Amino acid sequence: MSVSVRDMAAATPSGRDRYVDLLRVASLGAVIGGHWLMAAVSGDGIGNLLALVPPLQVLTWVLQIMPVFFFVGGFSHALSYRSLARRHDGRPVYALFLRARLRRLLRPTLVFVLVWGVVALGVQLAGKGEGALAGAALRLVTQPLWFIGIYLAMVAFTPPLLRLHERYGWAAFAALAGAAALVDVLRFAGGVPYVEFLNFAFVWLAVHQLGFLRADGRIRRPALLAAGGLAGAVLLVAWGPYPLSMVGMPGEKVSNMAPPTLALLCHGLWLVGAVQLAARPAGVWLERPRVWRAVVAANGVAMTAFLWHLTAMLTVYGAQLGLGLELPAPATAAWWAQVPVRVLAAVGVTALFVALFRRFEAPGAASAVTDGGGAGGRAALGITLCLLGVLGLSMTGLGGLLDGHSATLIAFPVTAPAAIGMAVAGAWLVERSAPARRVRLRG
């Protein structure tokens, strides 16, 4: 029996941190809106508005709020893991933790990948994949999956990093931040090849570690954190080798995002400090029943909306081209005039995709499980395969399913079919790592 949003909101425990739920929804919503605005689509393909109008890149210092999502993830993962450990009285809970945290993430992601894989295969078999817009769409639609791959790594590393946090506190964060700084020194001053890719771990795990600190109430001076992070980012961009944009720009030699840089970490620090400053007034606002019901409803479909928002945008542009409507040159006055209409249309199409696929994001029924007999090893292997598969697919896109197109992932070539296979196999291993156990009720 389905439970209404009103009932779920009314059943919210008194001790729940509602602000975290708001931050999760707001950060994904900002990413969706940013992608809709950044996409500069024309009959020749898909460009980037920020590259066409460089002064707009300063907006990424506010709109690039993915660090907030990872910060919130650290908070939630700490609470979830500790709750499981308490309920299982010291028994191994790694597989249980992975399975519980990933079910609502992997199911909608795999549905998205498989549906788009079938569409991409059909388009290429029909010989339609070479068009400018179609080809760009097949490359673009999987790019946001990088975020899910990084998130999987954060879930996988939560238990050991949480133990380090419990022992060393802020020093554990400082070690990760220091490692990120050292990587950039080796990269830019030492010219060490490939070392920059280590910051995919160090930068994002450092932001994730801030979530642990929030869970223990140890971020006591958010204004200092925000000011220090903002000052650091400004100084690094002004006098260092870092670009202004906090998202990747086509053709640039250095990106703050891929791989992440120390400048992006400082950006994350200022964002975390800023959202912490807003926690108290936002908490009062969230006590309003209507506001909280809206947040609960949005949280129930946020991942589905994130996965399908680019598809919705491409559908809107495709319909515009298919109907023979004018598609002005990007960044012109006529193009800006159409932005509100396109965004509203994209919201409507996204809502249709959410209505169609939201059931895959619904939490599954809980079952009594065991975490023995190699379950932890299976879970670790499963999440590793998922991580590699999702990251690989974000790099390869779906445009080369028939010709063996590959991309380099950690020094190894990977194709889209291989990436899909790894993701599916990994999800199966995670799901099977904590097999259901019959429980006989006595009494």
Protein backbone atom coordinates (compact mmCIF):
# COMPACT_ATOMS: atom_id res chain seq x y z
CA MET A 1 0.00 0.00 0.00
CA SER A 2 1.43 3.37 -1.01
CA VAL A 3 1.84 6.08 1.61
CA SER A 4 0.88 9.65 0.77
CA VAL A 5 3.31 12.55 1.01
CA ARG A 6 1.08 14.10 3.68
CA ASP A 7 1.32 10.92 5.80
CA MET A 8 5.10 10.68 5.35
CA ALA A 9 5.54 14.32 6.31
CA ALA A 10 3.30 13.90 9.36
CA ALA A 11 5.29 10.83 10.45
CA THR A 12 8.63 12.67 10.39
CA PRO A 13 10.54 11.97 13.65
CA SER A 14 10.97 15.02 15.84
CA GLY A 15 14.76 14.66 15.81
CA ARG A 16 15.14 14.51 12.02
CA ASP A 17 17.40 17.15 10.52
CA ARG A 18 15.02 18.57 7.93
CA TYR A 19 17.58 21.03 6.64
CA VAL A 20 19.68 18.19 5.25
CA ASP A 21 16.72 17.02 3.17
CA LEU A 22 16.25 20.55 1.84
CA LEU A 23 19.95 20.81 0.93
CA ARG A 24 19.79 17.50 -0.93
CA VAL A 25 16.85 18.64 -3.04
CA ALA A 26 18.17 22.18 -3.55
CA SER A 27 21.61 21.02 -4.68
CA LEU A 28 20.21 18.61 -7.27
CA GLY A 29 17.70 21.23 -8.38
CA ALA A 30 20.48 23.79 -8.89
CA VAL A 31 22.45 21.29 -10.99
CA ILE A 32 19.40 20.59 -13.14
CA GLY A 33 18.68 24.28 -13.68
CA GLY A 34 22.33 25.00 -14.41
CA HIS A 35 22.49 22.28 -17.05
CA TRP A 36 19.35 23.57 -18.74
CA LEU A 37 20.82 27.08 -18.92
CA MET A 38 24.34 26.03 -19.93
CA ALA A 39 23.25 23.94 -22.90
CA ALA A 40 23.60 26.12 -26.02
CA VAL A 41 21.81 24.04 -28.64
CA SER A 42 21.76 24.90 -32.33
CA GLY A 43 21.29 22.99 -35.55
CA ASP A 44 25.04 22.31 -35.50
CA GLY A 45 25.04 20.55 -32.15
CA ILE A 46 25.30 21.36 -28.44
CA GLY A 47 27.69 23.97 -27.07
CA ASN A 48 28.29 25.55 -23.68
CA LEU A 49 26.80 28.95 -22.90
CA LEU A 50 29.57 29.71 -20.40
CA ALA A 51 32.17 29.25 -23.12
CA LEU A 52 30.25 31.56 -25.45
CA VAL A 53 29.78 34.23 -22.75
CA PRO A 54 32.88 33.94 -20.47
CA PRO A 55 31.77 36.64 -17.96
CA LEU A 56 28.95 34.31 -16.92
CA GLN A 57 31.51 31.85 -15.56
CA VAL A 58 31.56 33.77 -12.27
CA LEU A 59 28.03 32.43 -11.67
CA THR A 60 29.52 28.96 -11.18
CA TRP A 61 30.81 30.18 -7.80
CA VAL A 62 27.18 30.05 -6.66
CA LEU A 63 25.53 27.55 -9.01
CA GLN A 64 28.18 24.81 -8.78
CA ILE A 65 26.83 23.38 -5.56
CA MET A 66 27.54 19.70 -6.08
CA PRO A 67 29.95 19.91 -3.09
CA VAL A 68 26.88 20.56 -0.94
CA PHE A 69 25.33 17.28 -2.10
CA PHE A 70 28.46 15.33 -1.18
CA PHE A 71 28.64 17.17 2.17
CA VAL A 72 25.04 16.12 2.88
CA GLY A 73 25.96 12.59 1.82
CA GLY A 74 28.68 12.44 4.46
CA PHE A 75 26.20 13.51 7.14
CA SER A 76 23.62 10.91 6.08
CA HIS A 77 26.16 8.11 5.68
CA ALA A 78 27.54 8.69 9.17
CA LEU A 79 24.09 8.47 10.74
CA SER A 80 23.10 5.42 8.68
CA TYR A 81 26.26 3.43 9.38
CA ARG A 82 26.16 4.17 13.10
CA SER A 83 22.50 3.20 13.31
CA LEU A 84 23.20 -0.14 11.62
CA ALA A 85 26.19 -0.81 13.88
CA ARG A 86 24.13 -0.17 17.01
CA ARG A 87 21.27 -2.39 15.87
CA HIS A 88 23.59 -5.28 15.01
CA ASP A 89 25.61 -5.06 18.22
CA GLY A 90 29.13 -5.06 16.77
CA ARG A 91 28.54 -7.64 14.03
CA PRO A 92 29.84 -6.82 10.51
CA VAL A 93 27.46 -4.46 8.74
CA TYR A 94 29.46 -3.36 5.67
CA ALA A 95 27.34 -5.27 3.16
CA LEU A 96 24.13 -4.20 4.89
CA PHE A 97 25.24 -0.59 4.79
CA LEU A 98 26.11 -0.68 1.08
CA ARG A 99 22.88 -2.42 0.18
CA ALA A 100 20.75 -0.03 2.22
CA ARG A 101 22.44 3.11 0.87
CA LEU A 102 22.54 2.02 -2.77
CA ARG A 103 19.15 0.47 -3.46
CA ARG A 104 17.42 3.79 -4.12
CA LEU A 105 20.39 4.98 -6.18
CA LEU A 106 21.27 2.00 -8.34
CA ARG A 107 17.80 0.92 -9.41
CA PRO A 108 16.77 4.21 -11.08
CA THR A 109 20.29 4.59 -12.49
CA LEU A 110 20.32 1.16 -14.12
CA VAL A 111 16.83 1.69 -15.53
CA PHE A 112 18.02 4.97 -17.06
CA VAL A 113 21.14 3.32 -18.52
CA LEU A 114 19.25 0.35 -19.97
CA VAL A 115 16.46 2.47 -21.48
CA TRP A 116 18.94 4.84 -23.06
CA GLY A 117 21.11 1.92 -24.20
CA VAL A 118 18.16 0.47 -26.13
CA VAL A 119 17.34 3.88 -27.62
CA ALA A 120 20.96 4.51 -28.61
CA LEU A 121 21.26 1.08 -30.21
CA GLY A 122 18.07 1.61 -32.18
CA VAL A 123 19.19 5.05 -33.37
CA GLN A 124 22.55 3.71 -34.54
CA LEU A 125 21.07 0.65 -36.23
CA ALA A 126 18.77 2.99 -38.13
CA GLY A 127 21.77 5.05 -39.22
CA LYS A 128 20.52 8.18 -37.42
CA GLY A 129 23.33 8.55 -34.91
CA GLU A 130 25.59 10.65 -37.11
CA GLY A 131 23.48 13.84 -37.09
CA ALA A 132 24.88 16.81 -35.20
CA LEU A 133 22.17 16.94 -32.53
CA ALA A 134 21.67 13.18 -32.25
CA GLY A 135 25.40 12.49 -31.99
CA ALA A 136 25.87 15.20 -29.38
CA ALA A 137 22.90 13.91 -27.40
CA LEU A 138 24.30 10.37 -27.27
CA ARG A 139 27.57 11.73 -25.93
CA LEU A 140 26.01 14.21 -23.52
CA VAL A 141 23.20 12.29 -21.87
CA THR A 142 25.45 10.04 -19.74
CA GLN A 143 27.95 12.71 -18.65
CA PRO A 144 26.15 13.56 -15.35
CA LEU A 145 26.66 9.94 -14.28
CA TRP A 146 30.15 10.91 -13.08
CA PHE A 147 28.47 12.30 -9.97
CA ILE A 148 26.87 8.93 -9.21
CA GLY A 149 30.21 7.17 -9.66
CA ILE A 150 31.87 9.53 -7.16
CA TYR A 151 28.97 9.09 -4.77
CA LEU A 152 29.40 5.31 -4.93
CA ALA A 153 33.03 5.74 -3.92
CA MET A 154 31.98 7.85 -0.95
CA VAL A 155 29.56 5.17 0.23
CA ALA A 156 32.25 2.51 -0.16
CA PHE A 157 34.82 4.47 1.88
CA THR A 158 32.43 5.62 4.61
CA PRO A 159 33.28 2.94 7.23
CA PRO A 160 37.09 3.41 7.29
CA LEU A 161 36.92 7.20 6.93
CA LEU A 162 34.27 7.40 9.64
CA ARG A 163 36.61 5.52 11.97
CA LEU A 164 39.39 8.00 11.15
CA HIS A 165 37.01 10.86 11.82
CA GLU A 166 35.98 9.42 15.18
CA ARG A 167 39.63 9.14 16.18
CA TYR A 168 41.12 12.31 14.71
CA GLY A 169 38.23 14.70 13.98
CA TRP A 170 39.28 17.76 12.00
CA ALA A 171 42.76 16.28 11.54
CA ALA A 172 41.30 13.55 9.29
CA PHE A 173 39.77 16.24 7.07
CA ALA A 174 43.03 18.19 7.13
CA ALA A 175 44.95 15.12 5.97
CA LEU A 176 42.68 14.71 2.94
CA ALA A 177 42.84 18.44 2.16
CA GLY A 178 46.62 18.38 2.51
CA ALA A 179 46.84 15.41 0.18
CA ALA A 180 44.76 17.33 -2.38
CA ALA A 181 47.13 20.31 -2.09
CA LEU A 182 50.17 18.06 -2.49
CA VAL A 183 48.67 16.50 -5.61
CA ASP A 184 48.29 19.95 -7.19
CA VAL A 185 51.87 20.87 -6.27
CA LEU A 186 53.14 17.69 -7.90
CA ARG A 187 50.91 18.33 -10.90
CA PHE A 188 51.62 21.99 -11.59
CA ALA A 189 55.07 22.53 -10.06
CA GLY A 190 56.53 19.06 -10.47
CA GLY A 191 54.93 18.03 -13.74
CA VAL A 192 54.26 14.52 -12.41
CA PRO A 193 52.09 12.74 -15.00
CA TYR A 194 48.66 11.39 -14.05
CA VAL A 195 48.99 12.39 -10.39
CA GLU A 196 46.06 14.82 -10.79
CA PHE A 197 43.60 11.94 -11.00
CA LEU A 198 44.19 11.18 -7.30
CA ASN A 199 42.19 14.30 -6.53
CA PHE A 200 39.01 12.63 -7.70
CA ALA A 201 39.36 10.87 -4.34
CA PHE A 202 41.08 13.42 -2.10
CA VAL A 203 38.97 16.48 -2.97
CA TRP A 204 35.55 14.84 -2.91
CA LEU A 205 36.30 12.66 0.12
CA ALA A 206 37.47 15.77 1.99
CA VAL A 207 34.10 17.43 1.29
CA HIS A 208 32.38 14.21 2.35
CA GLN A 209 34.40 14.26 5.58
CA LEU A 210 32.88 17.64 6.40
CA GLY A 211 29.53 15.85 6.55
CA PHE A 212 30.89 13.64 9.34
CA LEU A 213 31.94 16.76 11.24
CA ARG A 214 28.45 18.20 10.86
CA ALA A 215 26.91 14.95 12.11
CA ASP A 216 28.89 15.38 15.34
CA GLY A 217 28.16 19.10 15.65
CA ARG A 218 31.80 20.04 15.13
CA ILE A 219 31.36 22.79 12.53
CA ARG A 220 31.04 25.54 15.13
CA ARG A 221 32.39 28.50 13.14
CA PRO A 222 30.73 28.33 9.72
CA ALA A 223 31.45 31.99 8.99
CA LEU A 224 35.17 31.35 9.37
CA LEU A 225 34.91 28.27 7.15
CA ALA A 226 33.04 30.22 4.47
CA ALA A 227 35.39 33.20 4.57
CA GLY A 228 38.51 31.04 4.54
CA GLY A 229 37.26 28.90 1.67
CA LEU A 230 36.20 31.90 -0.40
CA ALA A 231 39.48 33.72 0.20
CA GLY A 232 41.45 30.61 -0.71
CA ALA A 233 39.51 30.10 -3.93
CA VAL A 234 39.92 33.75 -4.93
CA LEU A 235 43.66 33.71 -4.30
CA LEU A 236 44.20 30.43 -6.14
CA VAL A 237 42.25 31.60 -9.20
CA ALA A 238 43.84 35.08 -9.20
CA TRP A 239 47.46 33.98 -8.83
CA GLY A 240 47.48 30.27 -9.50
CA PRO A 241 47.03 28.07 -12.57
CA TYR A 242 43.30 27.64 -11.92
CA PRO A 243 40.52 28.86 -14.23
CA LEU A 244 37.64 31.06 -13.11
CA SER A 245 34.90 28.53 -13.85
CA MET A 246 34.10 25.93 -11.22
CA VAL A 247 32.70 23.65 -13.93
CA GLY A 248 34.56 22.24 -16.92
CA MET A 249 34.87 24.35 -20.04
CA PRO A 250 35.40 22.89 -23.52
CA GLY A 251 38.96 23.23 -24.78
CA GLU A 252 40.53 24.57 -21.59
CA LYS A 253 43.91 23.18 -20.55
CA VAL A 254 43.03 23.05 -16.86
CA SER A 255 39.62 22.25 -15.41
CA ASN A 256 38.67 22.73 -11.77
CA MET A 257 36.27 19.79 -12.10
CA ALA A 258 37.89 16.99 -14.05
CA PRO A 259 40.01 16.20 -12.20
CA PRO A 260 39.08 18.33 -9.16
CA THR A 261 41.57 20.89 -7.92
CA LEU A 262 42.47 22.58 -4.66
CA ALA A 263 40.52 25.60 -5.91
CA LEU A 264 37.37 23.48 -6.13
CA LEU A 265 37.97 22.20 -2.60
CA CYS A 266 38.19 25.80 -1.35
CA HIS A 267 34.99 26.50 -3.26
CA GLY A 268 33.38 23.58 -1.46
CA LEU A 269 34.55 24.93 1.91
CA TRP A 270 32.93 28.30 1.33
CA LEU A 271 29.68 26.68 0.19
CA VAL A 272 29.56 24.40 3.25
CA GLY A 273 30.17 27.36 5.53
CA ALA A 274 27.50 29.39 3.75
CA VAL A 275 24.81 26.71 3.99
CA GLN A 276 25.66 26.13 7.64
CA LEU A 277 25.07 29.82 8.34
CA ALA A 278 21.58 29.45 6.90
CA ALA A 279 20.73 26.32 8.91
CA ARG A 280 18.86 27.95 11.79
CA PRO A 281 16.48 30.22 9.84
CA ALA A 282 15.90 27.46 7.30
CA GLY A 283 15.07 25.03 10.10
CA VAL A 284 12.34 27.36 11.36
CA TRP A 285 10.94 27.71 7.84
CA LEU A 286 10.89 23.92 7.38
CA GLU A 287 8.60 23.53 10.40
CA ARG A 288 5.77 24.85 8.24
CA PRO A 289 3.68 21.84 7.15
CA ARG A 290 3.29 22.90 3.52
CA VAL A 291 6.98 23.62 3.11
CA TRP A 292 7.99 20.32 4.66
CA ARG A 293 5.51 18.36 2.53
CA ALA A 294 7.03 19.93 -0.58
CA VAL A 295 10.53 18.90 0.52
CA VAL A 296 9.36 15.35 1.29
CA ALA A 297 7.69 15.07 -2.12
CA ALA A 298 10.76 16.40 -3.94
CA ASN A 299 13.10 14.05 -2.06
CA GLY A 300 11.06 11.09 -3.23
CA VAL A 301 11.75 11.82 -6.91
CA ALA A 302 14.96 13.88 -6.86
CA MET A 303 17.25 11.19 -8.28
CA THR A 304 14.80 10.29 -11.03
CA ALA A 305 14.51 13.95 -12.01
CA PHE A 306 18.30 14.31 -12.04
CA LEU A 307 18.78 11.26 -14.25
CA TRP A 308 16.20 12.33 -16.83
CA HIS A 309 16.53 16.13 -16.87
CA LEU A 310 18.97 16.21 -19.80
CA THR A 311 16.70 13.86 -21.74
CA ALA A 312 13.85 16.27 -21.09
CA MET A 313 15.88 19.23 -22.31
CA LEU A 314 16.94 17.41 -25.47
CA THR A 315 13.32 16.42 -26.06
CA VAL A 316 12.30 20.08 -25.94
CA TYR A 317 15.00 21.12 -28.39
CA GLY A 318 14.27 18.16 -30.64
CA ALA A 319 10.58 19.05 -30.71
CA GLN A 320 11.45 22.64 -31.55
CA LEU A 321 13.60 21.53 -34.46
CA GLY A 322 11.11 18.88 -35.57
CA LEU A 323 8.28 21.41 -35.71
CA GLY A 324 10.39 23.78 -37.78
CA LEU A 325 10.37 26.48 -35.12
CA GLU A 326 13.15 29.03 -35.08
CA LEU A 327 16.20 28.06 -33.04
CA PRO A 328 18.12 31.31 -32.53
CA ALA A 329 21.89 31.42 -32.25
CA PRO A 330 22.90 30.81 -28.62
CA ALA A 331 23.43 33.83 -26.37
CA THR A 332 21.57 36.22 -28.70
CA ALA A 333 18.65 38.34 -27.51
CA ALA A 334 16.19 36.03 -29.28
CA TRP A 335 17.79 33.00 -27.61
CA TRP A 336 17.48 34.57 -24.14
CA ALA A 337 13.87 35.47 -24.84
CA GLN A 338 13.10 31.78 -25.40
CA VAL A 339 14.83 30.61 -22.21
CA PRO A 340 11.78 30.86 -19.89
CA VAL A 341 9.60 28.96 -22.34
CA ARG A 342 12.20 26.23 -22.85
CA VAL A 343 12.78 25.84 -19.12
CA LEU A 344 9.06 25.55 -18.39
CA ALA A 345 8.74 22.99 -21.18
CA ALA A 346 11.71 21.05 -19.77
CA VAL A 347 10.08 21.07 -16.32
CA GLY A 348 6.93 19.62 -17.84
CA VAL A 349 8.75 16.90 -19.77
CA THR A 350 10.85 16.04 -16.70
CA ALA A 351 7.62 15.65 -14.72
CA LEU A 352 6.41 13.15 -17.33
CA PHE A 353 9.62 11.12 -17.01
CA VAL A 354 9.32 11.25 -13.22
CA ALA A 355 5.74 9.97 -13.41
CA LEU A 356 6.91 7.12 -15.63
CA PHE A 357 10.04 6.06 -13.72
CA ARG A 358 9.58 7.22 -10.13
CA ARG A 359 8.55 3.77 -8.93
CA PHE A 360 12.14 2.57 -9.39
CA GLU A 361 13.30 5.14 -6.84
CA ALA A 362 10.82 3.99 -4.20
CA PRO A 363 12.51 2.20 -1.29
CA GLY A 364 12.15 -1.57 -1.31
CA ALA A 365 10.67 -3.51 1.53
CA ALA A 366 13.08 -4.13 4.37
CA SER A 367 14.02 -7.71 5.13
CA ALA A 368 15.92 -9.52 7.82
CA VAL A 369 19.43 -10.16 6.52
CA THR A 370 22.76 -11.53 7.50
CA ASP A 371 26.18 -10.03 6.81
CA GLY A 372 28.36 -13.10 7.08
CA GLY A 373 29.89 -15.68 4.79
CA GLY A 374 31.90 -13.32 2.58
CA ALA A 375 29.10 -10.78 2.21
CA GLY A 376 31.47 -7.87 2.82
CA GLY A 377 33.81 -9.05 0.07
CA ARG A 378 30.97 -9.46 -2.42
CA ALA A 379 29.64 -6.04 -1.54
CA ALA A 380 33.09 -4.44 -1.98
CA LEU A 381 33.55 -6.11 -5.36
CA GLY A 382 30.04 -5.14 -6.40
CA ILE A 383 30.37 -1.46 -5.57
CA THR A 384 33.79 -1.35 -7.26
CA LEU A 385 32.30 -2.75 -10.47
CA CYS A 386 29.38 -0.30 -10.22
CA LEU A 387 31.75 2.60 -9.70
CA LEU A 388 33.95 1.69 -12.65
CA GLY A 389 30.98 0.96 -14.88
CA VAL A 390 29.14 4.20 -14.13
CA LEU A 391 32.28 6.34 -14.44
CA GLY A 392 33.24 4.56 -17.64
CA LEU A 393 29.82 5.17 -19.17
CA SER A 394 29.95 8.86 -18.22
CA MET A 395 33.17 9.09 -20.25
CA THR A 396 32.31 6.96 -23.27
CA GLY A 397 28.74 8.09 -23.86
CA LEU A 398 26.41 5.95 -25.94
CA GLY A 399 27.42 7.09 -29.39
CA GLY A 400 29.79 4.25 -30.23
CA LEU A 401 27.89 1.11 -29.28
CA LEU A 402 28.42 -0.47 -32.71
CA ASP A 403 31.95 0.65 -33.55
CA GLY A 404 33.78 -0.18 -30.31
CA HIS A 405 34.36 3.43 -29.26
CA SER A 406 36.29 3.50 -25.98
CA ALA A 407 37.56 5.94 -23.38
CA THR A 408 40.45 5.63 -20.96
CA LEU A 409 39.44 4.91 -17.38
CA ILE A 410 42.32 4.73 -14.90
CA ALA A 411 44.77 3.89 -17.70
CA PHE A 412 42.55 1.17 -19.21
CA PRO A 413 40.27 1.48 -22.25
CA VAL A 414 36.60 0.83 -21.63
CA THR A 415 33.68 0.66 -24.05
CA ALA A 416 30.07 1.55 -23.35
CA PRO A 417 28.85 -2.10 -23.49
CA ALA A 418 31.60 -3.14 -21.08
CA ALA A 419 30.74 -0.26 -18.74
CA ILE A 420 27.05 -1.20 -18.76
CA GLY A 421 27.97 -4.82 -18.06
CA MET A 422 30.15 -3.85 -15.09
CA ALA A 423 27.43 -1.62 -13.63
CA VAL A 424 24.75 -4.32 -13.93
CA ALA A 425 27.01 -7.05 -12.52
CA GLY A 426 28.11 -4.82 -9.67
CA ALA A 427 24.54 -3.93 -8.74
CA TRP A 428 23.62 -7.63 -8.73
CA LEU A 429 26.55 -8.42 -6.41
CA VAL A 430 25.60 -5.62 -4.01
CA GLU A 431 22.00 -6.82 -3.94
CA ARG A 432 23.08 -10.43 -3.35
CA SER A 433 25.74 -9.54 -0.77
CA ALA A 434 23.18 -9.50 2.03
CA PRO A 435 20.83 -12.41 1.26
CA ALA A 436 17.47 -12.58 2.97
CA ARG A 437 17.20 -14.91 5.92
CA ARG A 438 13.99 -16.45 7.15
CA VAL A 439 13.14 -15.34 10.64
CA ARG A 440 11.00 -17.63 12.80
CA LEU A 441 8.84 -15.70 15.20
CA ARG A 442 8.48 -17.21 18.64
CA GLY A 443 5.70 -16.57 20.99
